[in-house]
């Protein structure tokens, strides 16, 4: 069960990174206007980073795998 959750969270994070990368590339090529989007993307990435750190802490400290 833990491996399923870890893989699910990993795939969700990969999709989010790819989404933000596409938005960034569209902004570099000036297809979309990034002036209002950049602070939201940075804030979103910080929130995702904090959530991932908490999940990592929970998995590594509180939920120990059976050996």
Protein backbone atom coordinates (compact mmCIF):
# COMPACT_ATOMS: atom_id res chain seq x y z
CA UNK A 1 0.00 0.00 0.00
CA UNK A 2 2.83 2.42 0.83
CA UNK A 3 4.47 1.84 -2.55
CA UNK A 4 1.19 2.65 -4.31
CA UNK A 5 0.85 5.94 -2.41
CA UNK A 6 4.48 6.86 -3.09
CA UNK A 7 4.09 6.14 -6.80
CA UNK A 8 0.82 8.08 -6.96
CA UNK A 9 2.34 11.13 -5.26
CA UNK A 10 5.41 10.87 -7.51
CA UNK A 11 3.29 10.82 -10.66
CA UNK A 12 1.20 13.76 -9.45
CA UNK A 13 4.37 15.79 -8.78
CA UNK A 14 5.77 14.85 -12.21
CA UNK A 15 2.56 16.01 -13.90
CA UNK A 16 2.64 19.32 -12.00
CA UNK A 17 6.28 19.94 -12.93
CA UNK A 18 5.54 19.19 -16.58
CA UNK A 19 2.53 21.52 -16.50
CA UNK A 20 4.56 24.39 -15.04
CA UNK A 21 7.33 23.70 -17.57
CA UNK A 22 4.89 23.98 -20.47
CA UNK A 23 3.49 27.23 -19.04
CA UNK A 24 7.04 28.56 -18.66
CA UNK A 25 7.94 27.65 -22.23
CA UNK A 26 4.79 29.28 -23.57
CA UNK A 27 5.76 32.41 -21.65
CA UNK A 28 9.31 32.40 -23.00
CA UNK A 29 7.97 32.20 -26.54
CA UNK A 30 5.52 35.00 -25.62
CA UNK A 31 2.49 32.93 -26.53
CA UNK A 32 0.97 33.72 -23.14
CA UNK A 33 1.54 36.66 -20.81
CA UNK A 34 3.45 35.59 -17.69
CA UNK A 35 3.33 38.86 -15.78
CA UNK A 36 0.42 37.73 -13.60
CA UNK A 37 1.17 34.01 -13.74
CA UNK A 38 4.77 33.92 -12.45
CA UNK A 39 4.00 34.85 -8.81
CA UNK A 40 1.20 32.27 -8.75
CA UNK A 41 3.47 29.57 -10.19
CA UNK A 42 6.22 30.34 -7.67
CA UNK A 43 3.72 30.30 -4.81
CA UNK A 44 2.25 27.04 -6.05
CA UNK A 45 5.69 25.45 -6.30
CA UNK A 46 6.52 26.55 -2.75
CA UNK A 47 3.28 25.03 -1.48
CA UNK A 48 3.95 21.80 -3.38
CA UNK A 49 7.51 21.71 -1.99
CA UNK A 50 6.28 22.19 1.57
CA UNK A 51 3.62 19.50 1.14
CA UNK A 52 6.17 17.09 -0.35
CA UNK A 53 8.53 17.74 2.58
CA UNK A 54 5.75 16.95 5.06
CA UNK A 55 4.81 13.77 3.19
CA UNK A 56 8.47 12.71 3.08
CA UNK A 57 8.77 13.34 6.81
CA UNK A 58 5.66 11.28 7.50
CA UNK A 59 6.88 8.38 5.37
CA UNK A 60 10.45 8.40 6.68
CA UNK A 61 9.80 8.96 10.38
CA UNK A 62 6.26 8.08 11.33
CA UNK A 63 5.47 5.26 8.90
CA UNK A 64 8.40 2.87 8.95
CA UNK A 65 8.39 0.03 6.51
CA UNK A 66 8.45 -3.48 7.88
CA UNK A 67 11.82 -5.08 7.38
